[in-house]
């Protein structure tokens, strides 16, 4: 399962990577901003975990942009 994490707080992002990385079925890609993630995310993504409050594009705008991709 291809999992994308979008979180601007490095400690939270790393914590999610470590916790979810214990599951072999997850192939994890993580990004520090929604802008960065939108440039790199592809249609193979099965699950997105995103922060709501981020600078620039917030989590809700990010999800809407992903739906339109």
PDB file of N, CA and C in Angstrom:
ATOM      1  N   UNK A   1       0.846  -1.169   0.000  1.00  0.00           N
ATOM      2  CA  UNK A   1       0.000   0.000   0.000  1.00  0.00           C
ATOM      3  C   UNK A   1       0.894   1.235   0.000  1.00  0.00           C
ATOM      4  N   UNK A   2       0.660   2.133  -0.935  1.00  0.00           N
ATOM      5  CA  UNK A   2       1.434   3.365  -1.045  1.00  0.00           C
ATOM      6  C   UNK A   2       0.813   4.445  -0.169  1.00  0.00           C
ATOM      7  N   UNK A   3       1.576   4.885   0.807  1.00  0.00           N
ATOM      8  CA  UNK A   3       1.120   5.840   1.806  1.00  0.00           C
ATOM      9  C   UNK A   3       1.917   7.128   1.686  1.00  0.00           C
ATOM     10  N   UNK A   4       1.210   8.259   1.674  1.00  0.00           N
ATOM     11  CA  UNK A   4       1.851   9.572   1.633  1.00  0.00           C
ATOM     12  C   UNK A   4       1.538  10.303   2.928  1.00  0.00           C
ATOM     13  N   UNK A   5       2.579  10.850   3.546  1.00  0.00           N
ATOM     14  CA  UNK A   5       2.436  11.668   4.749  1.00  0.00           C
ATOM     15  C   UNK A   5       2.831  13.092   4.378  1.00  0.00           C
ATOM     16  N   UNK A   6       1.953  14.047   4.701  1.00  0.00           N
ATOM     17  CA  UNK A   6       2.248  15.461   4.469  1.00  0.00           C
ATOM     18  C   UNK A   6       2.114  16.166   5.810  1.00  0.00           C
ATOM     19  N   UNK A   7       3.248  16.595   6.338  1.00  0.00           N
ATOM     20  CA  UNK A   7       3.282  17.189   7.687  1.00  0.00           C
ATOM     21  C   UNK A   7       4.453  18.156   7.759  1.00  0.00           C
ATOM     22  N   UNK A   8       4.179  19.409   8.128  1.00  0.00           N
ATOM     23  CA  UNK A   8       5.250  20.400   8.189  1.00  0.00           C
ATOM     24  C   UNK A   8       6.105  20.291   9.448  1.00  0.00           C
ATOM     25  N   UNK A   9       5.583  19.707  10.488  1.00  0.00           N
ATOM     26  CA  UNK A   9       6.338  19.533  11.736  1.00  0.00           C
ATOM     27  C   UNK A   9       7.214  18.284  11.611  1.00  0.00           C
ATOM     28  N   UNK A  10       8.525  18.485  11.606  1.00  0.00           N
ATOM     29  CA  UNK A  10       9.447  17.366  11.380  1.00  0.00           C
ATOM     30  C   UNK A  10       9.311  16.270  12.431  1.00  0.00           C
ATOM     31  N   UNK A  11       9.090  16.633  13.687  1.00  0.00           N
ATOM     32  CA  UNK A  11       8.965  15.620  14.738  1.00  0.00           C
ATOM     33  C   UNK A  11       7.735  14.748  14.527  1.00  0.00           C
ATOM     34  N   UNK A  12       6.622  15.357  14.169  1.00  0.00           N
ATOM     35  CA  UNK A  12       5.406  14.595  13.910  1.00  0.00           C
ATOM     36  C   UNK A  12       5.572  13.732  12.665  1.00  0.00           C
ATOM     37  N   UNK A  13       6.179  14.302  11.614  1.00  0.00           N
ATOM     38  CA  UNK A  13       6.387  13.553  10.379  1.00  0.00           C
ATOM     39  C   UNK A  13       7.256  12.325  10.627  1.00  0.00           C
ATOM     40  N   UNK A  14       8.356  12.505  11.347  1.00  0.00           N
ATOM     41  CA  UNK A  14       9.252  11.381  11.641  1.00  0.00           C
ATOM     42  C   UNK A  14       8.572  10.348  12.537  1.00  0.00           C
ATOM     43  N   UNK A  15       7.779  10.799  13.493  1.00  0.00           N
ATOM     44  CA  UNK A  15       7.051   9.876  14.377  1.00  0.00           C
ATOM     45  C   UNK A  15       6.087   9.007  13.578  1.00  0.00           C
ATOM     46  N   UNK A  16       5.374   9.626  12.641  1.00  0.00           N
ATOM     47  CA  UNK A  16       4.456   8.860  11.789  1.00  0.00           C
ATOM     48  C   UNK A  16       5.219   7.868  10.914  1.00  0.00           C
ATOM     49  N   UNK A  17       6.345   8.307  10.358  1.00  0.00           N
ATOM     50  CA  UNK A  17       7.161   7.414   9.534  1.00  0.00           C
ATOM     51  C   UNK A  17       7.620   6.201  10.331  1.00  0.00           C
ATOM     52  N   UNK A  18       8.085   6.431  11.544  1.00  0.00           N
ATOM     53  CA  UNK A  18       8.575   5.333  12.387  1.00  0.00           C
ATOM     54  C   UNK A  18       7.440   4.394  12.770  1.00  0.00           C
ATOM     55  N   UNK A  19       6.337   4.964  13.245  1.00  0.00           N
ATOM     56  CA  UNK A  19       5.210   4.135  13.701  1.00  0.00           C
ATOM     57  C   UNK A  19       4.620   3.318  12.556  1.00  0.00           C
ATOM     58  N   UNK A  20       4.405   3.947  11.415  1.00  0.00           N
ATOM     59  CA  UNK A  20       3.786   3.242  10.294  1.00  0.00           C
ATOM     60  C   UNK A  20       4.791   2.399   9.519  1.00  0.00           C
ATOM     61  N   UNK A  21       6.075   2.737   9.642  1.00  0.00           N
ATOM     62  CA  UNK A  21       7.119   1.977   8.970  1.00  0.00           C
ATOM     63  C   UNK A  21       7.286   0.569   9.508  1.00  0.00           C
ATOM     64  N   UNK A  22       6.704   0.303  10.660  1.00  0.00           N
ATOM     65  CA  UNK A  22       6.756  -1.041  11.231  1.00  0.00           C
ATOM     66  C   UNK A  22       5.898  -2.032  10.447  1.00  0.00           C
ATOM     67  N   UNK A  23       5.006  -1.524   9.638  1.00  0.00           N
ATOM     68  CA  UNK A  23       4.130  -2.385   8.848  1.00  0.00           C
ATOM     69  C   UNK A  23       4.724  -2.559   7.458  1.00  0.00           C
ATOM     70  N   UNK A  24       5.062  -3.798   7.130  1.00  0.00           N
ATOM     71  CA  UNK A  24       5.718  -4.092   5.859  1.00  0.00           C
ATOM     72  C   UNK A  24       4.882  -3.717   4.649  1.00  0.00           C
ATOM     73  N   UNK A  25       3.572  -3.713   4.801  1.00  0.00           N
ATOM     74  CA  UNK A  25       2.712  -3.446   3.643  1.00  0.00           C
ATOM     75  C   UNK A  25       2.700  -1.975   3.215  1.00  0.00           C
ATOM     76  N   UNK A  26       3.255  -1.087   4.022  1.00  0.00           N
ATOM     77  CA  UNK A  26       3.276   0.338   3.685  1.00  0.00           C
ATOM     78  C   UNK A  26       4.578   0.726   2.999  1.00  0.00           C
ATOM     79  N   UNK A  27       4.465   1.343   1.835  1.00  0.00           N
ATOM     80  CA  UNK A  27       5.581   2.009   1.186  1.00  0.00           C
ATOM     81  C   UNK A  27       5.318   3.494   1.424  1.00  0.00           C
ATOM     82  N   UNK A  28       6.144   4.105   2.263  1.00  0.00           N
ATOM     83  CA  UNK A  28       5.872   5.452   2.749  1.00  0.00           C
ATOM     84  C   UNK A  28       6.726   6.490   2.028  1.00  0.00           C
ATOM     85  N   UNK A  29       6.049   7.557   1.594  1.00  0.00           N
ATOM     86  CA  UNK A  29       6.720   8.756   1.095  1.00  0.00           C
ATOM     87  C   UNK A  29       6.221   9.890   1.973  1.00  0.00           C
ATOM     88  N   UNK A  30       7.124  10.748   2.425  1.00  0.00           N
ATOM     89  CA  UNK A  30       6.691  11.855   3.275  1.00  0.00           C
ATOM     90  C   UNK A  30       7.227  13.175   2.736  1.00  0.00           C
ATOM     91  N   UNK A  31       6.435  14.210   2.959  1.00  0.00           N
ATOM     92  CA  UNK A  31       6.754  15.539   2.451  1.00  0.00           C
ATOM     93  C   UNK A  31       6.496  16.575   3.530  1.00  0.00           C
ATOM     94  N   UNK A  32       7.288  17.656   3.500  1.00  0.00           N
ATOM     95  CA  UNK A  32       7.150  18.698   4.515  1.00  0.00           C
ATOM     96  C   UNK A  32       6.143  19.764   4.128  1.00  0.00           C
ATOM     97  N   UNK A  33       5.669  19.746   2.887  1.00  0.00           N
ATOM     98  CA  UNK A  33       4.669  20.727   2.474  1.00  0.00           C
ATOM     99  C   UNK A  33       3.728  20.121   1.442  1.00  0.00           C
ATOM    100  N   UNK A  34       2.546  20.683   1.381  1.00  0.00           N
ATOM    101  CA  UNK A  34       1.566  20.231   0.397  1.00  0.00           C
ATOM    102  C   UNK A  34       2.044  20.560  -1.013  1.00  0.00           C
ATOM    103  N   UNK A  35       2.709  21.688  -1.160  1.00  0.00           N
ATOM    104  CA  UNK A  35       3.226  22.085  -2.469  1.00  0.00           C
ATOM    105  C   UNK A  35       4.221  21.055  -2.989  1.00  0.00           C
ATOM    106  N   UNK A  36       5.127  20.631  -2.130  1.00  0.00           N
ATOM    107  CA  UNK A  36       6.117  19.610  -2.502  1.00  0.00           C
ATOM    108  C   UNK A  36       5.424  18.294  -2.845  1.00  0.00           C
ATOM    109  N   UNK A  37       4.462  17.900  -2.036  1.00  0.00           N
ATOM    110  CA  UNK A  37       3.747  16.640  -2.257  1.00  0.00           C
ATOM    111  C   UNK A  37       2.980  16.661  -3.573  1.00  0.00           C
ATOM    112  N   UNK A  38       2.325  17.775  -3.888  1.00  0.00           N
ATOM    113  CA  UNK A  38       1.557  17.860  -5.134  1.00  0.00           C
ATOM    114  C   UNK A  38       2.436  17.685  -6.362  1.00  0.00           C
ATOM    115  N   UNK A  39       3.683  18.119  -6.284  1.00  0.00           N
ATOM    116  CA  UNK A  39       4.610  17.972  -7.408  1.00  0.00           C
ATOM    117  C   UNK A  39       5.003  16.514  -7.619  1.00  0.00           C
ATOM    118  N   UNK A  40       4.982  15.727  -6.542  1.00  0.00           N
ATOM    119  CA  UNK A  40       5.540  14.376  -6.608  1.00  0.00           C
ATOM    120  C   UNK A  40       4.517  13.253  -6.462  1.00  0.00           C
ATOM    121  N   UNK A  41       3.339  13.555  -5.965  1.00  0.00           N
ATOM    122  CA  UNK A  41       2.343  12.513  -5.721  1.00  0.00           C
ATOM    123  C   UNK A  41       1.845  11.959  -7.056  1.00  0.00           C
ATOM    124  N   UNK A  42       1.537  10.683  -7.081  1.00  0.00           N
ATOM    125  CA  UNK A  42       1.045  10.081  -8.317  1.00  0.00           C
ATOM    126  C   UNK A  42      -0.228   9.282  -8.056  1.00  0.00           C
ATOM    127  N   UNK A  43      -0.759   8.720  -9.111  1.00  0.00           N
ATOM    128  CA  UNK A  43      -2.036   8.000  -9.009  1.00  0.00           C
ATOM    129  C   UNK A  43      -1.905   6.668  -8.278  1.00  0.00           C
ATOM    130  N   UNK A  44      -0.690   6.245  -7.976  1.00  0.00           N
ATOM    131  CA  UNK A  44      -0.478   4.993  -7.248  1.00  0.00           C
ATOM    132  C   UNK A  44      -0.730   5.136  -5.754  1.00  0.00           C
ATOM    133  N   UNK A  45      -0.983   6.347  -5.280  1.00  0.00           N
ATOM    134  CA  UNK A  45      -1.172   6.593  -3.853  1.00  0.00           C
ATOM    135  C   UNK A  45      -2.481   5.977  -3.380  1.00  0.00           C
ATOM    136  N   UNK A  46      -2.391   5.172  -2.320  1.00  0.00           N
ATOM    137  CA  UNK A  46      -3.570   4.523  -1.755  1.00  0.00           C
ATOM    138  C   UNK A  46      -4.138   5.273  -0.557  1.00  0.00           C
ATOM    139  N   UNK A  47      -3.268   5.929   0.203  1.00  0.00           N
ATOM    140  CA  UNK A  47      -3.688   6.571   1.444  1.00  0.00           C
ATOM    141  C   UNK A  47      -2.845   7.815   1.684  1.00  0.00           C
ATOM    142  N   UNK A  48      -3.514   8.900   2.107  1.00  0.00           N
ATOM    143  CA  UNK A  48      -2.819  10.148   2.433  1.00  0.00           C
ATOM    144  C   UNK A  48      -3.128  10.510   3.875  1.00  0.00           C
ATOM    145  N   UNK A  49      -2.078  10.807   4.628  1.00  0.00           N
ATOM    146  CA  UNK A  49      -2.224  11.357   5.979  1.00  0.00           C
ATOM    147  C   UNK A  49      -1.646  12.761   5.910  1.00  0.00           C
ATOM    148  N   UNK A  50      -2.478  13.755   6.197  1.00  0.00           N
ATOM    149  CA  UNK A  50      -2.023  15.134   6.080  1.00  0.00           C
ATOM    150  C   UNK A  50      -2.413  15.963   7.290  1.00  0.00           C
ATOM    151  N   UNK A  51      -1.566  16.911   7.593  1.00  0.00           N
ATOM    152  CA  UNK A  51      -1.862  17.918   8.594  1.00  0.00           C
ATOM    153  C   UNK A  51      -2.909  18.852   7.988  1.00  0.00           C
ATOM    154  N   UNK A  52      -3.776  19.396   8.797  1.00  0.00           N
ATOM    155  CA  UNK A  52      -4.760  20.361   8.310  1.00  0.00           C
ATOM    156  C   UNK A  52      -4.150  21.760   8.265  1.00  0.00           C
ATOM    157  N   UNK A  53      -3.460  22.145   9.323  1.00  0.00           N
ATOM    158  CA  UNK A  53      -2.903  23.498   9.439  1.00  0.00           C
ATOM    159  C   UNK A  53      -1.444  23.519   9.012  1.00  0.00           C
ATOM    160  N   UNK A  54      -1.228  23.928   7.757  1.00  0.00           N
ATOM    161  CA  UNK A  54       0.128  24.053   7.233  1.00  0.00           C
ATOM    162  C   UNK A  54       0.249  25.390   6.520  1.00  0.00           C
ATOM    163  N   UNK A  55       1.452  25.944   6.475  1.00  0.00           N
ATOM    164  CA  UNK A  55       1.637  27.192   5.728  1.00  0.00           C
ATOM    165  C   UNK A  55       1.454  26.952   4.228  1.00  0.00           C
ATOM    166  N   UNK A  56       1.027  27.976   3.530  1.00  0.00           N
ATOM    167  CA  UNK A  56       0.800  27.828   2.092  1.00  0.00           C
ATOM    168  C   UNK A  56      -0.514  27.122   1.848  1.00  0.00           C
ATOM    169  N   UNK A  57      -0.448  25.957   1.270  1.00  0.00           N
ATOM    170  CA  UNK A  57      -1.645  25.153   1.006  1.00  0.00           C
ATOM    171  C   UNK A  57      -1.955  24.343   2.253  1.00  0.00           C
ATOM    172  N   UNK A  58      -3.163  24.496   2.790  1.00  0.00           N
ATOM    173  CA  UNK A  58      -3.510  23.713   3.981  1.00  0.00           C
ATOM    174  C   UNK A  58      -3.968  22.312   3.573  1.00  0.00           C
ATOM    175  N   UNK A  59      -4.196  21.471   4.551  1.00  0.00           N
ATOM    176  CA  UNK A  59      -4.532  20.076   4.298  1.00  0.00           C
ATOM    177  C   UNK A  59      -5.795  19.873   3.485  1.00  0.00           C
ATOM    178  N   UNK A  60      -6.822  20.680   3.734  1.00  0.00           N
ATOM    179  CA  UNK A  60      -8.076  20.542   2.984  1.00  0.00           C
ATOM    180  C   UNK A  60      -7.893  20.942   1.524  1.00  0.00           C
ATOM    181  N   UNK A  61      -7.180  22.034   1.285  1.00  0.00           N
ATOM    182  CA  UNK A  61      -6.891  22.446  -0.091  1.00  0.00           C
ATOM    183  C   UNK A  61      -6.056  21.380  -0.798  1.00  0.00           C
ATOM    184  N   UNK A  62      -5.128  20.795  -0.067  1.00  0.00           N
ATOM    185  CA  UNK A  62      -4.273  19.749  -0.624  1.00  0.00           C
ATOM    186  C   UNK A  62      -5.102  18.549  -1.083  1.00  0.00           C
ATOM    187  N   UNK A  63      -6.020  18.096  -0.239  1.00  0.00           N
ATOM    188  CA  UNK A  63      -6.862  16.947  -0.599  1.00  0.00           C
ATOM    189  C   UNK A  63      -7.715  17.271  -1.823  1.00  0.00           C
ATOM    190  N   UNK A  64      -8.282  18.466  -1.871  1.00  0.00           N
ATOM    191  CA  UNK A  64      -9.083  18.873  -3.038  1.00  0.00           C
ATOM    192  C   UNK A  64      -8.230  18.884  -4.298  1.00  0.00           C
ATOM    193  N   UNK A  65      -6.998  19.378  -4.190  1.00  0.00           N
ATOM    194  CA  UNK A  65      -6.094  19.403  -5.340  1.00  0.00           C
ATOM    195  C   UNK A  65      -5.747  17.985  -5.795  1.00  0.00           C
ATOM    196  N   UNK A  66      -5.598  17.073  -4.860  1.00  0.00           N
ATOM    197  CA  UNK A  66      -5.308  15.670  -5.197  1.00  0.00           C
ATOM    198  C   UNK A  66      -6.483  15.040  -5.937  1.00  0.00           C
ATOM    199  N   UNK A  67      -7.681  15.366  -5.513  1.00  0.00           N
ATOM    200  CA  UNK A  67      -8.875  14.821  -6.171  1.00  0.00           C
ATOM    201  C   UNK A  67      -8.965  15.286  -7.618  1.00  0.00           C
ATOM    202  N   UNK A  68      -8.481  16.486  -7.896  1.00  0.00           N
ATOM    203  CA  UNK A  68      -8.548  17.050  -9.247  1.00  0.00           C
ATOM    204  C   UNK A  68      -7.373  16.653 -10.124  1.00  0.00           C
ATOM    205  N   UNK A  69      -6.415  15.935  -9.571  1.00  0.00           N
ATOM    206  CA  UNK A  69      -5.219  15.531 -10.310  1.00  0.00           C
ATOM    207  C   UNK A  69      -5.498  14.384 -11.231  1.00  0.00           C
TER     208      UNK A  69
END
